[in-house]
Protein backbone atom coordinates (compact mmCIF):
# COMPACT_ATOMS: atom_id res chain seq x y z
CA MET A 1 32.58 -12.04 7.52
CA SER A 2 30.68 -9.86 5.07
CA ASP A 3 28.21 -7.20 6.09
CA SER A 4 25.15 -9.07 4.55
CA PHE A 5 26.32 -12.02 6.62
CA PHE A 6 25.66 -10.11 9.74
CA THR A 7 22.56 -8.44 8.39
CA PHE A 8 20.79 -11.73 7.62
CA THR A 9 22.16 -13.25 10.88
CA TYR A 10 20.46 -9.91 12.63
CA ILE A 11 16.90 -10.58 10.92
CA PHE A 12 16.60 -14.09 11.51
CA ALA A 13 17.57 -13.52 14.95
CA THR A 14 15.42 -10.91 15.40
CA ALA A 15 12.62 -13.32 14.03
CA LEU A 16 13.53 -15.74 16.39
CA VAL A 17 12.61 -13.62 19.28
CA ILE A 18 9.32 -12.77 17.88
CA ILE A 19 8.54 -16.13 17.03
CA LEU A 20 9.48 -17.83 20.47
CA LEU A 21 9.37 -15.24 23.18
CA PRO A 22 5.78 -13.91 22.78
CA ASN A 23 5.75 -12.97 26.36
CA ILE A 24 8.48 -10.61 26.30
CA SER A 25 7.11 -7.24 27.09
CA ALA A 26 4.78 -4.99 24.82
CA ARG A 27 7.43 -2.70 24.43
CA CYS A 28 9.99 -4.74 23.36
CA LYS A 29 7.84 -6.79 20.86
CA TYR A 30 6.94 -3.48 19.55
CA TYR A 31 10.50 -2.50 18.92
CA PHE A 32 11.31 -5.61 17.32
CA LYS A 33 8.38 -6.05 15.00
CA PHE A 34 9.05 -2.42 13.71
CA THR A 35 13.15 -2.76 13.55
CA PHE A 36 12.77 -6.34 11.96
CA PHE A 37 9.65 -4.94 9.31
CA CYS A 38 12.34 -2.17 7.93
CA VAL A 39 15.65 -3.83 7.85
CA TYR A 40 13.56 -6.71 6.32
CA LEU A 41 12.22 -4.02 3.59
CA LEU A 42 15.67 -2.81 3.23
CA MET A 43 17.47 -5.84 2.39
CA LEU A 44 14.53 -6.98 0.65
CA ALA A 45 14.99 -4.12 -1.93
CA THR A 46 18.99 -4.11 -1.92
CA VAL A 47 18.61 -7.62 -3.29
CA SER A 48 15.83 -6.71 -6.02
CA ILE A 49 17.77 -3.98 -7.36
CA PRO A 50 19.97 -5.69 -9.80
CA ILE A 51 17.38 -7.54 -10.61
CA LEU A 52 14.92 -4.97 -11.57
CA ILE A 53 17.61 -3.43 -13.34
CA LEU A 54 18.19 -6.53 -15.90
CA LEU A 55 14.57 -6.65 -16.67
CA PRO A 56 12.54 -5.27 -18.93
CA THR A 57 10.67 -1.92 -17.61
CA LYS A 58 7.22 -3.69 -18.53
CA TYR A 59 7.86 -6.31 -16.42
CA ARG A 60 8.98 -4.21 -13.26
CA SER A 61 6.24 -4.22 -10.93
CA CYS A 62 5.15 -4.85 -7.26
CA ARG A 63 4.08 -7.81 -8.00
CA LEU A 64 7.71 -9.22 -7.51
CA TYR A 65 7.54 -8.50 -3.98
CA GLY A 66 4.40 -10.63 -3.43
CA PRO A 67 6.20 -13.93 -1.85
CA ALA A 68 8.20 -11.86 0.15
CA ALA A 69 5.24 -10.16 1.60
CA ALA A 70 3.30 -13.08 2.12
CA LEU A 71 6.50 -14.45 4.13
CA LEU A 72 7.09 -11.30 5.96
CA SER A 73 3.21 -11.68 7.08
CA LYS A 74 3.57 -14.59 8.50
CA LEU A 75 6.94 -13.62 10.49
CA LEU A 76 5.30 -10.88 11.75
CA GLY A 77 1.79 -12.65 12.84
CA ILE A 78 -0.20 -10.60 10.41
CA GLN A 79 -2.95 -12.39 8.80
CA TRP A 80 -4.83 -11.07 5.90
CA GLU A 81 -8.59 -11.49 4.59
CA ILE A 82 -9.31 -9.90 1.35
CA ARG A 83 -12.74 -9.33 0.37
CA GLY A 84 -14.21 -8.59 -3.07
CA LYS A 85 -10.89 -9.81 -4.90
CA LYS A 86 -13.12 -11.11 -7.55
CA VAL A 87 -13.13 -7.23 -8.79
CA PHE A 88 -9.55 -7.94 -10.16
CA ASP A 89 -10.51 -11.29 -12.03
CA LYS A 90 -10.53 -9.06 -15.27
CA SER A 91 -7.75 -7.16 -16.07
CA PHE A 92 -8.68 -3.49 -16.74
CA PRO A 93 -6.78 -0.32 -16.00
CA CYS A 94 -7.75 1.70 -12.86
CA VAL A 95 -7.17 3.97 -9.95
CA ILE A 96 -6.99 2.03 -6.55
CA VAL A 97 -7.93 4.53 -3.39
CA ILE A 98 -7.11 3.26 -0.20
CA ASN A 99 -7.31 4.62 3.27
CA HIS A 100 -4.29 5.58 4.87
CA GLN A 101 -3.51 4.39 8.47
CA SER A 102 0.26 3.28 8.94
CA ALA A 103 3.65 2.93 7.16
CA LEU A 104 2.34 -0.88 6.98
CA ASP A 105 0.04 0.10 4.22
CA ILE A 106 2.55 0.56 1.54
CA PHE A 107 2.56 -3.02 2.29
CA VAL A 108 -1.02 -3.74 1.46
CA GLY A 109 0.10 -3.08 -2.08
CA PHE A 110 2.51 -5.61 -2.15
CA VAL A 111 -0.05 -8.19 -0.27
CA LEU A 112 -2.57 -7.32 -3.09
CA SER A 113 -0.13 -7.95 -5.84
CA TYR A 114 0.25 -11.47 -4.41
CA TYR A 115 -2.90 -12.35 -3.64
CA THR A 116 -4.89 -10.96 -6.77
CA ASN A 117 -4.95 -10.42 -10.09
CA VAL A 118 -3.58 -6.82 -10.50
CA PRO A 119 -1.54 -7.04 -13.38
CA LYS A 120 0.70 -4.22 -13.08
CA LEU A 121 0.62 -1.98 -9.87
CA ILE A 122 1.95 1.47 -9.40
CA LEU A 123 2.26 2.94 -6.42
CA VAL A 124 1.69 6.70 -5.85
CA ALA A 125 4.04 8.04 -2.89
CA LYS A 126 5.50 10.74 -1.36
CA GLN A 127 8.58 12.08 -2.92
CA SER A 128 10.47 11.66 0.73
CA LEU A 129 10.21 7.96 0.04
CA LEU A 130 12.37 8.13 -2.80
CA TYR A 131 15.60 8.99 -0.52
CA THR A 132 14.92 5.98 1.69
CA PHE A 133 18.30 4.24 0.97
CA SER A 134 17.79 1.10 -1.23
CA PHE A 135 14.22 0.88 -0.82
CA GLY A 136 13.29 4.17 -2.39
CA LEU A 137 15.61 3.10 -5.53
CA ALA A 138 13.78 -0.30 -5.45
CA LEU A 139 10.29 1.61 -5.52
CA TRP A 140 11.61 3.65 -8.49
CA LEU A 141 12.38 0.75 -10.64
CA CYS A 142 9.39 -0.75 -9.95
CA GLY A 143 7.23 2.52 -11.53
CA THR A 144 6.48 4.12 -8.28
CA ILE A 145 5.26 7.52 -9.42
CA PHE A 146 6.95 10.11 -6.49
CA VAL A 147 4.91 13.31 -6.08
CA ASP A 148 5.66 16.05 -3.95
CA ARG A 149 2.53 16.85 -1.72
CA LYS A 150 3.67 20.51 -1.19
CA ASN A 151 3.37 21.29 -5.01
CA SER A 152 -0.01 20.10 -5.94
CA THR A 153 0.40 21.52 -9.81
CA ASP A 154 3.39 19.89 -10.35
CA ALA A 155 2.35 16.46 -8.96
CA LYS A 156 -1.25 16.82 -10.97
CA THR A 157 1.08 17.52 -14.13
CA LYS A 158 3.55 14.70 -13.39
CA LEU A 159 0.76 12.14 -12.14
CA ASN A 160 -1.37 12.98 -15.81
CA LYS A 161 2.00 12.58 -17.53
CA ILE A 162 3.20 9.05 -16.51
CA THR A 163 -0.30 7.44 -16.49
CA ALA A 164 -0.79 7.94 -19.66
CA ALA A 165 2.07 6.10 -20.64
CA TRP A 166 1.11 2.96 -17.90
CA ILE A 167 -2.79 3.02 -19.02
CA THR A 168 -2.21 0.86 -21.99
CA GLU A 169 -0.53 -1.89 -20.11
CA ASN A 170 -3.80 -2.25 -18.10
CA ALA A 171 -1.93 -0.54 -14.67
CA ALA A 172 -3.81 -0.12 -11.51
CA PHE A 173 -2.75 3.19 -9.50
CA PHE A 174 -2.12 2.76 -5.92
CA ILE A 175 -3.33 5.91 -4.11
CA PHE A 176 -3.84 7.43 -0.38
CA PRO A 177 -6.49 10.18 -1.19
CA GLU A 178 -6.16 11.07 2.43
CA GLY A 179 -2.64 12.55 1.77
CA THR A 180 -1.11 11.67 5.38
CA ARG A 181 -1.57 8.79 8.00
CA ASN A 182 -5.02 8.60 9.82
CA ALA A 183 -5.35 6.38 12.67
CA LYS A 184 -8.81 8.02 13.96
CA SER A 185 -12.27 6.53 14.02
CA SER A 186 -13.16 8.36 10.53
CA LEU A 187 -11.61 8.91 7.34
CA GLN A 188 -9.80 12.47 6.28
CA THR A 189 -10.57 14.77 3.83
CA PHE A 190 -9.95 13.22 0.45
CA LYS A 191 -7.27 15.21 -2.19
CA LYS A 192 -8.39 15.67 -5.62
CA GLY A 193 -5.59 14.28 -7.48
CA ALA A 194 -6.64 10.43 -8.04
CA PHE A 195 -9.80 11.77 -8.78
CA HIS A 196 -8.42 13.64 -11.63
CA ILE A 197 -6.46 10.99 -13.22
CA ALA A 198 -9.62 8.91 -12.95
CA ILE A 199 -11.80 11.55 -15.34
CA GLN A 200 -9.19 12.47 -17.16
CA HIS A 201 -8.11 9.19 -18.62
CA LYS A 202 -11.88 7.72 -18.40
CA ILE A 203 -10.57 5.04 -16.30
CA PRO A 204 -12.54 3.68 -12.97
CA ILE A 205 -11.98 3.87 -9.49
CA VAL A 206 -11.72 0.97 -7.43
CA PRO A 207 -12.14 1.57 -3.79
CA ILE A 208 -10.30 -0.21 -1.08
CA VAL A 209 -10.63 -0.37 2.58
CA VAL A 210 -8.41 -1.94 5.21
CA SER A 211 -9.69 -2.22 8.47
CA PRO A 212 -8.36 -0.65 11.61
CA TYR A 213 -4.79 -2.04 12.45
CA THR A 214 -6.24 -3.06 16.21
CA PHE A 215 -3.44 -5.05 17.06
CA ILE A 216 -0.90 -2.01 16.60
CA ASN A 217 -0.58 1.19 18.72
CA ASP A 218 1.92 3.74 19.04
CA LYS A 219 0.60 4.83 22.63
CA PRO A 220 1.56 2.64 24.30
CA PRO A 221 3.67 0.58 22.31
CA THR A 222 1.99 -2.41 20.77
CA PHE A 223 2.71 -4.80 17.95
CA ASN A 224 0.58 -8.10 18.33
CA CYS A 225 -0.44 -10.73 15.91
CA GLY A 226 -3.63 -9.95 13.92
CA LYS A 227 -5.84 -10.23 11.34
CA SER A 228 -6.64 -7.21 8.90
CA ILE A 229 -9.15 -7.47 6.30
CA ILE A 230 -8.67 -5.68 2.82
CA SER A 231 -12.04 -4.95 1.58
CA VAL A 232 -12.32 -4.31 -2.44
CA LEU A 233 -15.30 -2.35 -3.22
CA ASP A 234 -17.01 -2.18 -6.38
CA PRO A 235 -15.27 -0.09 -9.10
CA ILE A 236 -16.96 3.52 -9.85
CA CYS A 237 -17.32 4.42 -13.12
CA THR A 238 -16.02 7.49 -14.60
CA THR A 239 -16.37 7.49 -18.35
CA HIS A 240 -19.60 10.05 -17.87
CA LEU A 241 -17.76 12.27 -16.18
CA ASP A 242 -15.98 15.54 -16.93
CA VAL A 243 -14.27 18.39 -14.64
CA ASP A 244 -17.41 19.55 -13.28
CA GLY A 245 -18.37 16.08 -11.87
CA LEU A 246 -15.02 15.81 -9.81
CA ASP A 247 -16.35 17.24 -6.70
CA SER A 248 -19.39 14.74 -6.69
CA LEU A 249 -17.20 12.00 -7.73
CA VAL A 250 -14.86 12.61 -4.43
CA GLU A 251 -17.47 12.75 -2.34
CA GLN A 252 -19.44 9.76 -3.37
CA THR A 253 -16.22 7.53 -3.12
CA LYS A 254 -15.49 8.87 0.15
CA SER A 255 -18.79 8.39 1.39
CA ILE A 256 -18.79 4.80 0.13
CA MET A 257 -15.42 4.09 2.04
CA GLU A 258 -16.22 5.98 4.88
CA ALA A 259 -19.42 3.24 5.24
CA GLU A 260 -16.99 0.33 4.82
CA TYR A 261 -14.79 1.73 7.32
CA GLN A 262 -16.95 1.83 10.16
CA ASN A 263 -18.65 -1.36 9.23
CA LEU A 264 -14.83 -2.93 9.29
CA ARG A 265 -14.08 -1.13 12.43
CA LYS A 266 -17.36 -2.67 14.29
CA TYR A 267 -16.62 -5.85 13.08
CA VAL A 268 -12.72 -5.64 14.49
CA LEU A 269 -13.35 -4.07 17.55
CA PHE A 270 -16.56 -5.86 18.88
CA LYS A 271 -16.70 -9.59 16.95
């Protein structure tokens, strides 16, 4: 039998274990779910690559993965509540800045594409993701911008060049300003790349805050069913700013996001 048959068999067998055996140990459930998450994404990427190659560039988008993201959420027992999604009722180019907690965060981009009216969402990801088998290739075909975090000058030049080409398509650039994952009780220092783009191209910053994943933990290994809140905050205008206003824009955005993160943290921890 073909390899794809065995792969699909594995996926659905794992899904059945997740769904039908809720009383298995927390450690087993953790590894089952994360393994299923990774295999599902790799299979999705593999299947989508021929489709993406055939599509004209302007139609390639993370939005294509929306329905699959919604299905995977149900299989993993994750519910999403999106607050403030009316921000995207009107199409406009913007820089989305979002807090970074887990490998699941890139999945949030697919969810946003599915449940909101973001016309074209462009992920900005670390260079190493490009080499994650079929997943990296699929992301590249979707227009993902891969940057080398160790070379900030090159990354900034690359970002400015590519974003200029996409702005006319009303693209939303999806960036993690913290740079690295952070599951602590407060946000880390923001890097300035996203804000350089916004100021240079005079497009708004749209802050998005995701509530803590209280149902997922590495120590001890835990991956239960749960609900995550994605809070879309009001856009921050940059048309009046130049490079001199960069630091104040970074601080203003971080302050707004920190306040919202603490509100969401209290809500999910003490509701």
